[in-house]
Amino acid sequence: MATNKELLAKGVKYLFGALPMMFIGPSLMYNAFMNKHTNWHYLILVIGCAVCITSVFLAFKGIKTMTDALFNDKQ
């Protein structure tokens, strides 16, 4: 079982992983919508949506891990 400090660090790592994706995903989606005349439009749009969904998942997991580390007294 991980200690509270290790769980807190793990949660922060998840949040730092989600942070760049929060900017990359919408940028990819914007690029896809601005370049509808190319053949790569749908592929870039799907990748952008996947990056956004992954960002939300990692942010949720990071916040959940941090709250478990801060408020769980079962150690």
Protein backbone atom coordinates (compact mmCIF):
# COMPACT_ATOMS: atom_id res chain seq x y z
CA MET A 1 0.00 0.00 0.00
CA ALA A 2 1.36 3.40 -0.96
CA THR A 3 1.79 6.11 1.64
CA ASN A 4 -0.17 9.34 1.50
CA LYS A 5 2.84 11.28 0.23
CA GLU A 6 3.37 8.83 -2.63
CA LEU A 7 -0.32 8.94 -3.55
CA LEU A 8 -0.26 12.73 -3.53
CA ALA A 9 2.79 12.73 -5.84
CA LYS A 10 1.06 10.25 -8.14
CA GLY A 11 -2.00 12.51 -8.34
CA VAL A 12 0.15 15.52 -9.17
CA LYS A 13 1.83 13.52 -11.94
CA TYR A 14 -1.56 12.71 -13.43
CA LEU A 15 -2.51 16.39 -13.36
CA PHE A 16 0.77 17.44 -14.96
CA GLY A 17 0.14 14.86 -17.67
CA ALA A 18 -3.33 16.24 -18.29
CA LEU A 19 -2.24 19.88 -18.44
CA PRO A 20 -0.56 19.89 -21.89
CA MET A 21 -3.37 17.77 -23.30
CA MET A 22 -5.87 20.43 -22.24
CA PHE A 23 -4.24 22.79 -24.73
CA ILE A 24 -3.20 20.34 -27.46
CA GLY A 25 -6.64 18.74 -27.88
CA PRO A 26 -8.62 21.91 -28.60
CA SER A 27 -5.80 23.17 -30.84
CA LEU A 28 -6.02 20.00 -32.92
CA MET A 29 -9.79 20.30 -33.13
CA TYR A 30 -9.54 23.95 -34.21
CA ASN A 31 -6.96 22.98 -36.84
CA ALA A 32 -9.25 20.24 -38.13
CA PHE A 33 -12.22 22.59 -38.45
CA MET A 34 -10.15 25.26 -40.21
CA ASN A 35 -8.75 22.77 -42.77
CA LYS A 36 -11.92 21.08 -43.97
CA HIS A 37 -10.64 21.11 -47.54
CA THR A 38 -7.90 18.53 -46.81
CA ASN A 39 -8.26 14.77 -46.67
CA TRP A 40 -6.86 14.62 -43.13
CA HIS A 41 -9.76 16.59 -41.60
CA TYR A 42 -11.57 13.67 -39.95
CA LEU A 43 -8.43 11.95 -38.71
CA ILE A 44 -7.15 15.10 -36.98
CA LEU A 45 -10.61 15.74 -35.54
CA VAL A 46 -10.78 12.23 -34.06
CA ILE A 47 -7.27 12.57 -32.62
CA GLY A 48 -8.19 15.94 -31.09
CA CYS A 49 -11.33 14.50 -29.51
CA ALA A 50 -9.38 11.54 -28.14
CA VAL A 51 -6.77 13.87 -26.64
CA CYS A 52 -9.51 15.96 -24.99
CA ILE A 53 -11.22 12.89 -23.54
CA THR A 54 -7.89 11.55 -22.27
CA SER A 55 -7.14 14.91 -20.67
CA VAL A 56 -10.44 14.91 -18.79
CA PHE A 57 -9.87 11.32 -17.66
CA LEU A 58 -6.35 12.04 -16.40
CA ALA A 59 -7.48 15.19 -14.61
CA PHE A 60 -10.31 13.29 -12.90
CA LYS A 61 -7.99 10.45 -11.93
CA GLY A 62 -5.39 12.89 -10.61
CA ILE A 63 -7.89 14.80 -8.48
CA LYS A 64 -9.39 11.55 -7.18
CA THR A 65 -5.94 10.22 -6.26
CA MET A 66 -5.05 13.45 -4.50
CA THR A 67 -8.27 13.50 -2.49
CA ASP A 68 -7.74 9.87 -1.52
CA ALA A 69 -4.26 10.77 -0.31
CA LEU A 70 -5.47 13.78 1.66
CA PHE A 71 -8.68 12.45 3.20
CA ASN A 72 -8.12 8.69 3.57
CA ASP A 73 -7.13 7.77 7.14
CA LYS A 74 -7.07 3.99 6.75
CA GLN A 75 -3.28 3.80 6.91
